[in-house]
N, C-alpha and C. Protein backbone atom coordinates (compact mmCIF):
# COMPACT_ATOMS: atom_id res chain seq x y z
N MET A 1 92.24 -109.69 60.59
CA MET A 1 91.18 -109.62 61.58
C MET A 1 91.70 -110.15 62.92
N ARG A 2 91.48 -109.37 63.98
CA ARG A 2 91.95 -109.76 65.31
C ARG A 2 90.76 -109.76 66.25
N LEU A 3 90.48 -110.91 66.86
CA LEU A 3 89.28 -111.06 67.67
C LEU A 3 89.60 -111.61 69.05
N ILE A 4 88.86 -111.14 70.04
CA ILE A 4 88.82 -111.76 71.36
C ILE A 4 87.43 -112.36 71.48
N LEU A 5 87.36 -113.67 71.71
CA LEU A 5 86.07 -114.35 71.82
C LEU A 5 85.74 -114.55 73.29
N PHE A 6 84.56 -114.11 73.65
CA PHE A 6 84.19 -114.00 75.06
C PHE A 6 82.81 -114.63 75.27
N GLY A 7 82.59 -115.27 76.40
CA GLY A 7 81.28 -115.83 76.68
C GLY A 7 81.32 -116.86 77.78
N ALA A 8 80.16 -117.13 78.35
CA ALA A 8 80.05 -118.05 79.49
C ALA A 8 80.28 -119.50 79.07
N PRO A 9 80.54 -120.37 80.05
CA PRO A 9 80.67 -121.80 79.75
C PRO A 9 79.43 -122.32 79.03
N GLY A 10 79.64 -123.05 77.94
CA GLY A 10 78.53 -123.65 77.21
C GLY A 10 77.92 -122.78 76.14
N VAL A 11 78.43 -121.55 75.97
CA VAL A 11 77.80 -120.64 75.00
C VAL A 11 78.24 -120.93 73.57
N GLY A 12 79.30 -121.72 73.40
CA GLY A 12 79.73 -122.09 72.04
C GLY A 12 80.96 -121.37 71.54
N LYS A 13 81.78 -120.85 72.45
CA LYS A 13 83.00 -120.13 72.04
C LYS A 13 83.93 -121.01 71.22
N GLY A 14 84.18 -122.22 71.73
CA GLY A 14 85.12 -123.12 71.05
C GLY A 14 84.65 -123.47 69.65
N THR A 15 83.36 -123.75 69.50
CA THR A 15 82.80 -124.08 68.19
C THR A 15 82.95 -122.91 67.22
N GLN A 16 82.56 -121.72 67.66
CA GLN A 16 82.65 -120.55 66.79
C GLN A 16 84.10 -120.17 66.49
N ALA A 17 84.98 -120.33 67.47
CA ALA A 17 86.40 -120.00 67.25
C ALA A 17 86.98 -120.86 66.13
N LYS A 18 86.67 -122.15 66.14
CA LYS A 18 87.20 -123.06 65.11
C LYS A 18 86.64 -122.70 63.73
N ILE A 19 85.35 -122.40 63.67
CA ILE A 19 84.74 -122.05 62.38
C ILE A 19 85.31 -120.74 61.86
N LEU A 20 85.38 -119.73 62.72
CA LEU A 20 85.88 -118.42 62.30
C LEU A 20 87.35 -118.48 61.90
N ALA A 21 88.13 -119.27 62.62
CA ALA A 21 89.55 -119.42 62.27
C ALA A 21 89.69 -119.97 60.86
N SER A 22 88.85 -120.94 60.52
CA SER A 22 88.88 -121.53 59.18
C SER A 22 88.37 -120.55 58.12
N ARG A 23 87.27 -119.87 58.42
CA ARG A 23 86.66 -118.96 57.44
C ARG A 23 87.54 -117.74 57.18
N LEU A 24 88.20 -117.24 58.24
CA LEU A 24 89.00 -116.03 58.12
C LEU A 24 90.48 -116.32 57.89
N ASN A 25 90.83 -117.61 57.94
CA ASN A 25 92.21 -118.04 57.70
C ASN A 25 93.20 -117.38 58.68
N ILE A 26 92.81 -117.41 59.96
CA ILE A 26 93.67 -116.89 61.03
C ILE A 26 93.72 -117.93 62.15
N PRO A 27 94.77 -117.92 62.96
CA PRO A 27 94.90 -118.95 64.00
C PRO A 27 93.95 -118.74 65.17
N HIS A 28 93.47 -119.85 65.72
CA HIS A 28 92.67 -119.84 66.95
C HIS A 28 93.64 -120.07 68.10
N ILE A 29 93.77 -119.07 68.97
CA ILE A 29 94.72 -119.15 70.07
C ILE A 29 93.96 -119.39 71.37
N SER A 30 94.09 -120.61 71.89
CA SER A 30 93.55 -120.93 73.20
C SER A 30 94.66 -120.73 74.21
N THR A 31 94.42 -119.94 75.26
CA THR A 31 95.49 -119.67 76.22
C THR A 31 95.96 -120.96 76.90
N GLY A 32 95.03 -121.90 77.10
CA GLY A 32 95.44 -123.18 77.67
C GLY A 32 96.41 -123.91 76.76
N ASP A 33 96.12 -123.88 75.46
CA ASP A 33 96.98 -124.56 74.48
C ASP A 33 98.37 -123.92 74.41
N ILE A 34 98.43 -122.58 74.38
CA ILE A 34 99.73 -121.94 74.23
C ILE A 34 100.55 -122.07 75.51
N LEU A 35 99.88 -122.15 76.65
CA LEU A 35 100.60 -122.38 77.90
C LEU A 35 101.23 -123.77 77.89
N ARG A 36 100.44 -124.76 77.49
CA ARG A 36 100.97 -126.13 77.41
C ARG A 36 102.11 -126.23 76.39
N GLN A 37 101.98 -125.51 75.27
CA GLN A 37 103.03 -125.54 74.25
C GLN A 37 104.32 -124.90 74.76
N ALA A 38 104.18 -123.80 75.50
CA ALA A 38 105.36 -123.13 76.06
C ALA A 38 106.07 -124.03 77.06
N VAL A 39 105.29 -124.75 77.85
CA VAL A 39 105.88 -125.71 78.80
C VAL A 39 106.57 -126.83 78.04
N HIS A 40 105.91 -127.34 77.00
CA HIS A 40 106.48 -128.43 76.20
C HIS A 40 107.76 -128.01 75.51
N ASP A 41 107.77 -126.76 74.98
CA ASP A 41 108.93 -126.26 74.24
C ASP A 41 110.07 -125.80 75.17
N LYS A 42 109.76 -125.78 76.48
CA LYS A 42 110.77 -125.35 77.46
C LYS A 42 111.31 -123.94 77.18
N THR A 43 110.39 -123.03 76.79
CA THR A 43 110.78 -121.64 76.64
C THR A 43 111.07 -121.09 78.04
N PRO A 44 111.80 -119.97 78.15
CA PRO A 44 112.06 -119.42 79.48
C PRO A 44 110.79 -119.21 80.31
N LEU A 45 109.75 -118.67 79.66
CA LEU A 45 108.50 -118.46 80.38
C LEU A 45 107.79 -119.78 80.65
N GLY A 46 107.93 -120.73 79.72
CA GLY A 46 107.33 -122.05 79.90
C GLY A 46 107.94 -122.78 81.09
N ILE A 47 109.24 -122.62 81.29
CA ILE A 47 109.91 -123.25 82.43
C ILE A 47 109.40 -122.66 83.74
N LYS A 48 109.25 -121.33 83.77
CA LYS A 48 108.70 -120.68 84.96
C LYS A 48 107.28 -121.17 85.24
N ALA A 49 106.48 -121.25 84.16
CA ALA A 49 105.09 -121.69 84.31
C ALA A 49 105.02 -123.13 84.81
N GLN A 50 105.91 -123.99 84.32
CA GLN A 50 105.92 -125.39 84.72
C GLN A 50 106.15 -125.53 86.23
N LYS A 51 107.08 -124.75 86.76
CA LYS A 51 107.37 -124.81 88.20
C LYS A 51 106.15 -124.39 89.02
N ILE A 52 105.44 -123.38 88.53
CA ILE A 52 104.25 -122.90 89.24
C ILE A 52 103.12 -123.93 89.15
N LEU A 53 102.91 -124.48 87.96
CA LEU A 53 101.86 -125.48 87.76
C LEU A 53 102.13 -126.73 88.59
N SER A 54 103.39 -127.11 88.70
CA SER A 54 103.76 -128.30 89.46
C SER A 54 103.44 -128.15 90.94
N SER A 55 103.41 -126.91 91.42
CA SER A 55 103.11 -126.66 92.82
C SER A 55 101.61 -126.50 93.06
N GLY A 56 100.83 -126.58 91.95
CA GLY A 56 99.38 -126.49 92.06
C GLY A 56 98.84 -125.08 92.08
N GLU A 57 99.68 -124.10 91.80
CA GLU A 57 99.26 -122.70 91.81
C GLU A 57 98.81 -122.26 90.41
N LEU A 58 98.08 -121.14 90.36
CA LEU A 58 97.69 -120.54 89.08
C LEU A 58 98.86 -119.76 88.50
N VAL A 59 98.99 -119.77 87.19
CA VAL A 59 100.05 -119.03 86.53
C VAL A 59 99.76 -117.53 86.65
N PRO A 60 100.69 -116.74 87.16
CA PRO A 60 100.46 -115.29 87.34
C PRO A 60 100.23 -114.59 86.00
N ASP A 61 99.54 -113.46 86.08
CA ASP A 61 99.19 -112.70 84.88
C ASP A 61 100.43 -112.29 84.08
N ASP A 62 101.51 -111.91 84.77
CA ASP A 62 102.68 -111.41 84.03
C ASP A 62 103.31 -112.51 83.17
N ILE A 63 103.27 -113.75 83.65
CA ILE A 63 103.81 -114.85 82.85
C ILE A 63 102.88 -115.15 81.67
N MET A 64 101.56 -115.15 81.93
CA MET A 64 100.63 -115.39 80.84
C MET A 64 100.74 -114.30 79.76
N ILE A 65 100.86 -113.05 80.18
CA ILE A 65 101.00 -111.95 79.22
C ILE A 65 102.29 -112.14 78.41
N GLY A 66 103.36 -112.58 79.07
CA GLY A 66 104.62 -112.82 78.37
C GLY A 66 104.49 -113.92 77.32
N ILE A 67 103.77 -114.99 77.67
CA ILE A 67 103.56 -116.09 76.73
C ILE A 67 102.69 -115.63 75.56
N ILE A 68 101.66 -114.83 75.85
CA ILE A 68 100.81 -114.30 74.78
C ILE A 68 101.61 -113.35 73.90
N ARG A 69 102.49 -112.54 74.49
CA ARG A 69 103.35 -111.65 73.70
C ARG A 69 104.17 -112.46 72.70
N ASP A 70 104.80 -113.54 73.17
CA ASP A 70 105.61 -114.38 72.29
C ASP A 70 104.77 -114.93 71.14
N THR A 71 103.54 -115.34 71.46
CA THR A 71 102.66 -115.93 70.44
C THR A 71 102.23 -114.90 69.40
N LEU A 72 101.82 -113.72 69.85
CA LEU A 72 101.34 -112.70 68.93
C LEU A 72 102.45 -112.17 68.02
N GLN A 73 103.69 -112.30 68.46
CA GLN A 73 104.81 -111.85 67.63
C GLN A 73 105.24 -112.92 66.63
N GLY A 74 104.65 -114.11 66.72
CA GLY A 74 104.98 -115.17 65.78
C GLY A 74 104.40 -114.90 64.40
N LYS A 75 105.01 -115.46 63.38
CA LYS A 75 104.57 -115.18 62.00
C LYS A 75 103.16 -115.69 61.72
N GLU A 76 102.71 -116.71 62.48
CA GLU A 76 101.37 -117.24 62.21
C GLU A 76 100.27 -116.24 62.57
N CYS A 77 100.60 -115.24 63.40
CA CYS A 77 99.62 -114.24 63.81
C CYS A 77 99.74 -112.94 63.02
N ARG A 78 100.55 -112.96 61.99
CA ARG A 78 100.82 -111.74 61.22
C ARG A 78 99.56 -111.14 60.62
N ASN A 79 98.64 -112.00 60.18
CA ASN A 79 97.42 -111.51 59.53
C ASN A 79 96.20 -111.50 60.45
N GLY A 80 96.42 -111.81 61.73
CA GLY A 80 95.31 -111.78 62.67
C GLY A 80 95.30 -112.98 63.58
N PHE A 81 94.30 -113.03 64.46
CA PHE A 81 94.18 -114.13 65.41
C PHE A 81 92.81 -114.10 66.06
N ILE A 82 92.44 -115.22 66.66
CA ILE A 82 91.26 -115.30 67.51
C ILE A 82 91.75 -115.77 68.88
N LEU A 83 91.60 -114.93 69.87
CA LEU A 83 92.07 -115.24 71.22
C LEU A 83 90.88 -115.73 72.05
N ASP A 84 91.03 -116.93 72.61
CA ASP A 84 89.95 -117.58 73.36
C ASP A 84 90.47 -117.92 74.76
N GLY A 85 89.79 -117.43 75.80
CA GLY A 85 90.17 -117.76 77.16
C GLY A 85 90.97 -116.69 77.88
N PHE A 86 91.11 -115.54 77.25
CA PHE A 86 91.87 -114.45 77.85
C PHE A 86 91.45 -113.14 77.17
N PRO A 87 91.28 -112.05 77.91
CA PRO A 87 91.44 -111.89 79.36
C PRO A 87 90.19 -112.31 80.12
N ARG A 88 90.37 -112.74 81.37
CA ARG A 88 89.25 -113.16 82.20
C ARG A 88 89.01 -112.25 83.40
N THR A 89 89.94 -111.37 83.66
CA THR A 89 89.79 -110.43 84.77
C THR A 89 90.11 -109.02 84.27
N LEU A 90 89.70 -108.02 85.03
CA LEU A 90 89.96 -106.64 84.65
C LEU A 90 91.46 -106.36 84.59
N ALA A 91 92.21 -106.91 85.54
CA ALA A 91 93.66 -106.72 85.54
C ALA A 91 94.28 -107.29 84.27
N GLN A 92 93.81 -108.46 83.85
CA GLN A 92 94.32 -109.07 82.61
C GLN A 92 93.95 -108.23 81.40
N ALA A 93 92.73 -107.69 81.38
CA ALA A 93 92.29 -106.87 80.25
C ALA A 93 93.16 -105.63 80.11
N LYS A 94 93.44 -104.98 81.23
CA LYS A 94 94.28 -103.77 81.19
C LYS A 94 95.70 -104.11 80.75
N ALA A 95 96.24 -105.22 81.26
CA ALA A 95 97.59 -105.63 80.87
C ALA A 95 97.64 -106.00 79.39
N PHE A 96 96.57 -106.62 78.90
CA PHE A 96 96.52 -107.02 77.49
C PHE A 96 96.46 -105.80 76.58
N GLU A 97 95.69 -104.79 76.97
CA GLU A 97 95.62 -103.56 76.18
C GLU A 97 96.99 -102.87 76.12
N GLU A 98 97.72 -102.89 77.23
CA GLU A 98 99.07 -102.33 77.25
C GLU A 98 99.99 -103.10 76.30
N LEU A 99 99.82 -104.42 76.28
CA LEU A 99 100.62 -105.25 75.38
C LEU A 99 100.31 -104.92 73.92
N LEU A 100 99.02 -104.79 73.59
CA LEU A 100 98.64 -104.47 72.21
C LEU A 100 99.22 -103.13 71.79
N ASN A 101 99.21 -102.15 72.70
CA ASN A 101 99.81 -100.84 72.40
C ASN A 101 101.31 -100.97 72.19
N GLU A 102 101.93 -101.78 73.03
CA GLU A 102 103.39 -101.99 72.92
C GLU A 102 103.76 -102.61 71.57
N LEU A 103 102.95 -103.58 71.13
CA LEU A 103 103.22 -104.28 69.88
C LEU A 103 102.63 -103.55 68.66
N LYS A 104 101.97 -102.42 68.93
CA LYS A 104 101.33 -101.64 67.87
C LYS A 104 100.32 -102.47 67.08
N ILE A 105 99.53 -103.23 67.82
CA ILE A 105 98.47 -104.04 67.22
C ILE A 105 97.14 -103.33 67.47
N GLY A 106 96.45 -102.97 66.38
CA GLY A 106 95.18 -102.28 66.51
C GLY A 106 94.03 -103.06 65.91
N ASN A 107 92.86 -102.45 65.91
CA ASN A 107 91.65 -103.05 65.33
C ASN A 107 91.37 -104.44 65.89
N VAL A 108 91.38 -104.55 67.21
CA VAL A 108 91.03 -105.80 67.88
C VAL A 108 89.59 -105.69 68.34
N TYR A 109 88.76 -106.66 67.94
CA TYR A 109 87.34 -106.63 68.27
C TYR A 109 87.00 -107.69 69.32
N PHE A 110 86.14 -107.33 70.21
CA PHE A 110 85.75 -108.14 71.35
C PHE A 110 84.36 -108.71 71.05
N VAL A 111 84.29 -110.00 70.70
CA VAL A 111 83.02 -110.64 70.35
C VAL A 111 82.44 -111.32 71.58
N ASN A 112 81.33 -110.79 72.06
CA ASN A 112 80.69 -111.31 73.27
C ASN A 112 79.49 -112.17 72.89
N LEU A 113 79.63 -113.48 73.09
CA LEU A 113 78.52 -114.41 72.84
C LEU A 113 77.71 -114.55 74.13
N SER A 114 76.41 -114.41 74.02
CA SER A 114 75.58 -114.49 75.22
C SER A 114 74.42 -115.46 75.03
N ALA A 115 73.95 -115.98 76.16
CA ALA A 115 72.78 -116.86 76.16
C ALA A 115 72.19 -116.83 77.57
N ASP A 116 70.91 -117.09 77.66
CA ASP A 116 70.23 -117.15 78.95
C ASP A 116 70.83 -118.27 79.80
N ASN A 117 70.95 -118.02 81.11
CA ASN A 117 71.54 -119.02 82.01
C ASN A 117 70.83 -120.37 81.94
N GLU A 118 69.51 -120.34 81.85
CA GLU A 118 68.77 -121.61 81.81
C GLU A 118 69.09 -122.39 80.55
N GLU A 119 69.31 -121.68 79.45
CA GLU A 119 69.72 -122.35 78.20
C GLU A 119 71.09 -122.98 78.36
N LEU A 120 72.01 -122.28 79.02
CA LEU A 120 73.36 -122.82 79.22
C LEU A 120 73.34 -124.03 80.13
N VAL A 121 72.53 -123.97 81.19
CA VAL A 121 72.40 -125.11 82.11
C VAL A 121 71.85 -126.32 81.34
N LYS A 122 70.85 -126.07 80.51
CA LYS A 122 70.24 -127.15 79.71
C LYS A 122 71.28 -127.77 78.77
N ARG A 123 72.06 -126.92 78.10
CA ARG A 123 73.08 -127.42 77.16
C ARG A 123 74.11 -128.30 77.87
N LEU A 124 74.63 -127.79 78.99
CA LEU A 124 75.75 -128.47 79.64
C LEU A 124 75.31 -129.74 80.38
N THR A 125 74.12 -129.74 80.97
CA THR A 125 73.65 -130.95 81.64
C THR A 125 73.25 -132.01 80.62
N ASN A 126 73.09 -131.59 79.37
CA ASN A 126 72.72 -132.50 78.29
C ASN A 126 73.94 -133.18 77.65
N ARG A 127 75.14 -132.88 78.17
CA ARG A 127 76.36 -133.44 77.59
C ARG A 127 76.77 -134.74 78.29
N ARG A 128 77.35 -135.63 77.50
CA ARG A 128 77.94 -136.85 78.04
C ARG A 128 79.32 -137.04 77.40
N THR A 129 80.23 -137.61 78.16
CA THR A 129 81.62 -137.78 77.71
C THR A 129 81.97 -139.25 77.65
N CYS A 130 82.77 -139.63 76.66
CA CYS A 130 83.26 -141.01 76.54
C CYS A 130 84.47 -141.18 77.45
N ARG A 131 84.44 -142.17 78.33
CA ARG A 131 85.56 -142.42 79.24
C ARG A 131 86.82 -142.83 78.49
N SER A 132 86.65 -143.41 77.31
CA SER A 132 87.78 -143.95 76.57
C SER A 132 88.52 -142.89 75.76
N CYS A 133 87.77 -142.09 74.97
CA CYS A 133 88.42 -141.12 74.07
C CYS A 133 88.17 -139.66 74.45
N ASN A 134 87.36 -139.45 75.51
CA ASN A 134 87.05 -138.10 76.01
C ASN A 134 86.24 -137.24 75.04
N SER A 135 85.68 -137.85 74.00
CA SER A 135 84.80 -137.11 73.10
C SER A 135 83.52 -136.72 73.84
N ILE A 136 82.96 -135.56 73.48
CA ILE A 136 81.75 -135.07 74.14
C ILE A 136 80.58 -135.12 73.16
N PHE A 137 79.44 -135.60 73.64
CA PHE A 137 78.23 -135.74 72.81
C PHE A 137 77.04 -135.18 73.57
N THR A 138 76.00 -134.81 72.81
CA THR A 138 74.72 -134.50 73.44
C THR A 138 73.95 -135.81 73.60
N LEU A 139 72.96 -135.79 74.48
CA LEU A 139 72.16 -137.00 74.68
C LEU A 139 71.47 -137.42 73.39
N ASP A 140 71.04 -136.45 72.58
CA ASP A 140 70.39 -136.77 71.31
C ASP A 140 71.33 -137.51 70.36
N GLU A 141 72.62 -137.15 70.40
CA GLU A 141 73.60 -137.76 69.49
C GLU A 141 73.86 -139.22 69.82
N ILE A 142 73.68 -139.61 71.08
CA ILE A 142 74.00 -140.99 71.48
C ILE A 142 72.76 -141.77 71.91
N LEU A 143 71.59 -141.21 71.60
CA LEU A 143 70.34 -141.88 71.97
C LEU A 143 70.29 -143.30 71.39
N GLY A 144 70.13 -144.28 72.27
CA GLY A 144 70.02 -145.67 71.85
C GLY A 144 71.34 -146.36 71.56
N LEU A 145 72.46 -145.62 71.67
CA LEU A 145 73.78 -146.21 71.39
C LEU A 145 74.40 -146.83 72.64
N GLN A 146 75.03 -147.97 72.47
CA GLN A 146 75.79 -148.59 73.56
C GLN A 146 77.29 -148.33 73.41
N ASN A 147 77.70 -148.15 72.14
CA ASN A 147 79.12 -147.93 71.86
C ASN A 147 79.39 -146.49 71.43
N CYS A 148 80.55 -145.97 71.78
CA CYS A 148 80.95 -144.63 71.39
C CYS A 148 81.10 -144.56 69.87
N PRO A 149 80.45 -143.59 69.21
CA PRO A 149 80.57 -143.49 67.75
C PRO A 149 81.95 -143.05 67.27
N ARG A 150 82.80 -142.56 68.17
CA ARG A 150 84.15 -142.14 67.80
C ARG A 150 85.16 -143.28 67.93
N CYS A 151 85.16 -143.93 69.10
CA CYS A 151 86.20 -144.94 69.35
C CYS A 151 85.66 -146.36 69.50
N GLY A 152 84.33 -146.50 69.57
CA GLY A 152 83.74 -147.83 69.66
C GLY A 152 83.68 -148.42 71.06
N ALA A 153 84.15 -147.70 72.07
CA ALA A 153 84.14 -148.22 73.44
C ALA A 153 82.70 -148.50 73.88
N GLU A 154 82.53 -149.57 74.62
CA GLU A 154 81.19 -150.01 75.03
C GLU A 154 80.84 -149.44 76.41
N ASN A 155 79.59 -148.95 76.53
CA ASN A 155 79.07 -148.43 77.81
C ASN A 155 80.05 -147.44 78.47
N SER A 156 80.56 -146.52 77.67
CA SER A 156 81.61 -145.61 78.17
C SER A 156 81.11 -144.19 78.47
N PHE A 157 79.82 -143.95 78.26
CA PHE A 157 79.32 -142.58 78.43
C PHE A 157 79.09 -142.26 79.91
N TYR A 158 79.47 -141.05 80.31
CA TYR A 158 79.22 -140.61 81.68
C TYR A 158 79.07 -139.10 81.70
N GLN A 159 78.53 -138.58 82.78
CA GLN A 159 78.38 -137.13 82.95
C GLN A 159 79.50 -136.62 83.85
N ARG A 160 80.31 -135.71 83.32
CA ARG A 160 81.40 -135.14 84.10
C ARG A 160 80.85 -134.34 85.28
N ASN A 161 81.64 -134.26 86.32
CA ASN A 161 81.21 -133.48 87.50
C ASN A 161 80.90 -132.05 87.15
N ASP A 162 81.71 -131.45 86.25
CA ASP A 162 81.48 -130.04 85.91
C ASP A 162 80.33 -129.85 84.93
N ASP A 163 79.64 -130.95 84.55
CA ASP A 163 78.44 -130.84 83.73
C ASP A 163 77.18 -131.12 84.55
N GLN A 164 77.33 -131.21 85.87
CA GLN A 164 76.18 -131.38 86.74
C GLN A 164 75.60 -130.02 87.11
N GLU A 165 74.28 -129.97 87.27
CA GLU A 165 73.58 -128.68 87.37
C GLU A 165 74.12 -127.79 88.48
N GLU A 166 74.33 -128.31 89.69
CA GLU A 166 74.79 -127.48 90.80
C GLU A 166 76.15 -126.85 90.49
N VAL A 167 77.03 -127.64 89.88
CA VAL A 167 78.37 -127.15 89.54
C VAL A 167 78.27 -126.10 88.43
N ILE A 168 77.42 -126.35 87.45
CA ILE A 168 77.26 -125.41 86.34
C ILE A 168 76.76 -124.06 86.83
N ARG A 169 75.76 -124.07 87.71
CA ARG A 169 75.22 -122.81 88.20
C ARG A 169 76.28 -122.03 88.99
N HIS A 170 77.14 -122.74 89.70
CA HIS A 170 78.23 -122.07 90.41
C HIS A 170 79.23 -121.48 89.42
N ARG A 171 79.57 -122.25 88.38
CA ARG A 171 80.51 -121.76 87.36
C ARG A 171 79.97 -120.51 86.68
N LEU A 172 78.66 -120.49 86.40
CA LEU A 172 78.06 -119.33 85.74
C LEU A 172 78.08 -118.10 86.65
N LYS A 173 77.88 -118.31 87.95
CA LYS A 173 77.95 -117.19 88.89
C LYS A 173 79.36 -116.63 88.98
N VAL A 174 80.35 -117.54 89.07
CA VAL A 174 81.75 -117.11 89.12
C VAL A 174 82.11 -116.35 87.84
N TYR A 175 81.66 -116.88 86.70
CA TYR A 175 81.93 -116.23 85.42
C TYR A 175 81.37 -114.81 85.41
N LYS A 176 80.11 -114.67 85.81
CA LYS A 176 79.46 -113.35 85.80
C LYS A 176 80.19 -112.39 86.73
N ASP A 177 80.52 -112.84 87.94
CA ASP A 177 81.17 -111.97 88.93
C ASP A 177 82.54 -111.51 88.45
N ASN A 178 83.30 -112.43 87.83
CA ASN A 178 84.68 -112.12 87.43
C ASN A 178 84.77 -111.34 86.13
N THR A 179 83.84 -111.60 85.22
CA THR A 179 84.01 -111.07 83.86
C THR A 179 83.15 -109.86 83.54
N LYS A 180 82.17 -109.54 84.37
CA LYS A 180 81.37 -108.34 84.11
C LYS A 180 82.24 -107.09 84.00
N PRO A 181 83.23 -106.90 84.89
CA PRO A 181 84.10 -105.72 84.75
C PRO A 181 84.90 -105.72 83.46
N VAL A 182 85.25 -106.93 82.94
CA VAL A 182 86.00 -107.02 81.69
C VAL A 182 85.13 -106.53 80.54
N LEU A 183 83.89 -106.99 80.51
CA LEU A 183 82.96 -106.57 79.46
C LEU A 183 82.74 -105.06 79.51
N GLU A 184 82.55 -104.53 80.69
CA GLU A 184 82.35 -103.09 80.83
C GLU A 184 83.58 -102.30 80.37
N PHE A 185 84.76 -102.84 80.65
CA PHE A 185 86.02 -102.21 80.23
C PHE A 185 86.08 -102.08 78.72
N TYR A 186 85.75 -103.16 78.00
CA TYR A 186 85.82 -103.13 76.54
C TYR A 186 84.67 -102.34 75.92
N GLU A 187 83.52 -102.27 76.63
CA GLU A 187 82.42 -101.44 76.14
C GLU A 187 82.83 -99.96 76.15
N LYS A 188 83.56 -99.55 77.17
CA LYS A 188 84.04 -98.16 77.24
C LYS A 188 85.01 -97.85 76.11
N LEU A 189 85.73 -98.89 75.64
CA LEU A 189 86.67 -98.71 74.53
C LEU A 189 85.98 -98.84 73.17
N ASP A 190 84.66 -99.08 73.18
CA ASP A 190 83.85 -99.23 71.96
C ASP A 190 84.37 -100.36 71.08
N LYS A 191 84.72 -101.47 71.72
CA LYS A 191 85.25 -102.61 70.96
C LYS A 191 84.31 -103.82 70.97
N VAL A 192 83.18 -103.73 71.68
CA VAL A 192 82.34 -104.90 71.89
C VAL A 192 81.34 -105.12 70.76
N ILE A 193 81.28 -106.38 70.30
CA ILE A 193 80.25 -106.82 69.36
C ILE A 193 79.48 -107.92 70.09
N SER A 194 78.22 -107.66 70.41
CA SER A 194 77.42 -108.61 71.17
C SER A 194 76.55 -109.43 70.22
N ILE A 195 76.63 -110.76 70.38
CA ILE A 195 75.91 -111.69 69.52
C ILE A 195 75.19 -112.71 70.40
N LYS A 196 73.93 -113.00 70.09
CA LYS A 196 73.21 -114.04 70.79
C LYS A 196 73.79 -115.41 70.40
N GLY A 197 74.15 -116.20 71.39
CA GLY A 197 74.75 -117.50 71.13
C GLY A 197 73.73 -118.62 71.07
N THR A 198 72.51 -118.31 70.66
CA THR A 198 71.45 -119.32 70.54
C THR A 198 70.99 -119.39 69.09
N GLY A 199 70.51 -120.56 68.72
CA GLY A 199 70.09 -120.78 67.33
C GLY A 199 71.04 -121.73 66.63
N LYS A 200 70.92 -121.79 65.32
CA LYS A 200 71.78 -122.69 64.54
C LYS A 200 73.21 -122.15 64.49
N ILE A 201 74.16 -123.07 64.53
CA ILE A 201 75.57 -122.69 64.57
C ILE A 201 75.94 -121.79 63.40
N GLU A 202 75.49 -122.18 62.19
CA GLU A 202 75.85 -121.41 61.00
C GLU A 202 75.23 -120.01 61.01
N GLU A 203 74.06 -119.87 61.63
CA GLU A 203 73.42 -118.56 61.72
C GLU A 203 74.17 -117.65 62.70
N ILE A 204 74.68 -118.24 63.77
CA ILE A 204 75.47 -117.46 64.73
C ILE A 204 76.76 -116.98 64.07
N THR A 205 77.41 -117.87 63.31
CA THR A 205 78.63 -117.50 62.58
C THR A 205 78.35 -116.35 61.61
N ALA A 206 77.27 -116.47 60.86
CA ALA A 206 76.90 -115.43 59.89
C ALA A 206 76.65 -114.10 60.60
N GLY A 207 76.01 -114.16 61.77
CA GLY A 207 75.74 -112.94 62.53
C GLY A 207 77.02 -112.27 63.00
N ILE A 208 77.99 -113.08 63.42
CA ILE A 208 79.28 -112.54 63.85
C ILE A 208 79.98 -111.85 62.68
N LEU A 209 80.00 -112.50 61.53
CA LEU A 209 80.68 -111.94 60.36
C LEU A 209 80.03 -110.64 59.89
N ARG A 210 78.69 -110.61 59.92
CA ARG A 210 77.98 -109.37 59.53
C ARG A 210 78.32 -108.24 60.49
N ALA A 211 78.32 -108.55 61.77
CA ALA A 211 78.61 -107.52 62.78
C ALA A 211 80.03 -107.02 62.66
N LEU A 212 80.96 -107.92 62.35
CA LEU A 212 82.36 -107.52 62.18
C LEU A 212 82.53 -106.60 60.98
N GLU A 213 81.86 -106.92 59.88
CA GLU A 213 81.93 -106.07 58.70
C GLU A 213 81.38 -104.68 59.00
N SER A 214 80.27 -104.63 59.74
CA SER A 214 79.66 -103.36 60.09
C SER A 214 80.58 -102.54 61.00
N LYS A 215 81.19 -103.22 61.97
CA LYS A 215 82.07 -102.54 62.92
C LYS A 215 83.35 -102.05 62.24
N ALA A 216 83.91 -102.92 61.38
CA ALA A 216 85.17 -102.58 60.72
C ALA A 216 84.97 -101.60 59.56
N GLY A 217 83.74 -101.58 59.02
CA GLY A 217 83.45 -100.64 57.93
C GLY A 217 83.97 -101.10 56.57
N ASN A 218 84.30 -102.38 56.46
CA ASN A 218 84.75 -102.89 55.16
C ASN A 218 84.43 -104.38 55.03
N LYS A 219 84.50 -104.85 53.79
CA LYS A 219 84.18 -106.24 53.49
C LYS A 219 85.26 -107.17 54.04
N ILE A 220 84.84 -108.30 54.62
CA ILE A 220 85.77 -109.27 55.17
C ILE A 220 86.03 -110.36 54.13
N THR A 221 87.30 -110.69 53.95
CA THR A 221 87.66 -111.78 53.03
C THR A 221 87.47 -113.10 53.75
N ILE A 222 86.64 -113.96 53.15
CA ILE A 222 86.31 -115.24 53.77
C ILE A 222 86.84 -116.38 52.91
N SER A 223 87.50 -117.34 53.56
CA SER A 223 88.05 -118.49 52.87
C SER A 223 86.92 -119.36 52.34
N ALA A 224 87.16 -119.97 51.18
CA ALA A 224 86.16 -120.85 50.57
C ALA A 224 85.91 -122.09 51.39
N SER A 225 86.87 -122.47 52.25
CA SER A 225 86.70 -123.67 53.07
C SER A 225 85.70 -123.44 54.18
């Protein structure tokens, strides 16, 4: 099973990616993680990316595509993958499709998680982060607590700048403006599976798996874990 997980900030992509990776026994590939790994491993592309990052610039699409190519050709992706955080622009989507054709990788499904903007604003403004361990909690999870339940730090909870309402609404607008063409591109290829990202986490997961089975036309093997 090969999936691209797509959705606005706060819609639950990271949560669903981790669950699906475990249930389907395939790796969760975060483009941020593989970029950092390439830099750490000092691969040829990682060295190029490091120089660009050090200058404060964004990594160009051709370098990111090269790093993704290296990852998809690894043995851990032999039985599938979940790609999170890419593609984010129409140019990236087109380049990624060319890469998949080059590598002869087919049956890639585009899972689009959606939620109302007001719900996303509510979710993200409801988050607090521990200054000590960087763990993220909802206000309900830390109600009445003085110490972080993960690391025990005292009075360490704060609201990140990017979890403030004005910033969130700007992020959602940027997301919509940049990614609408990407969604339309994959809809034309008949690869999109749209799932509401609201409700209980396990129900959203079940909905994704049912939709994948329907789209693929066969039963999906799910890990007991």
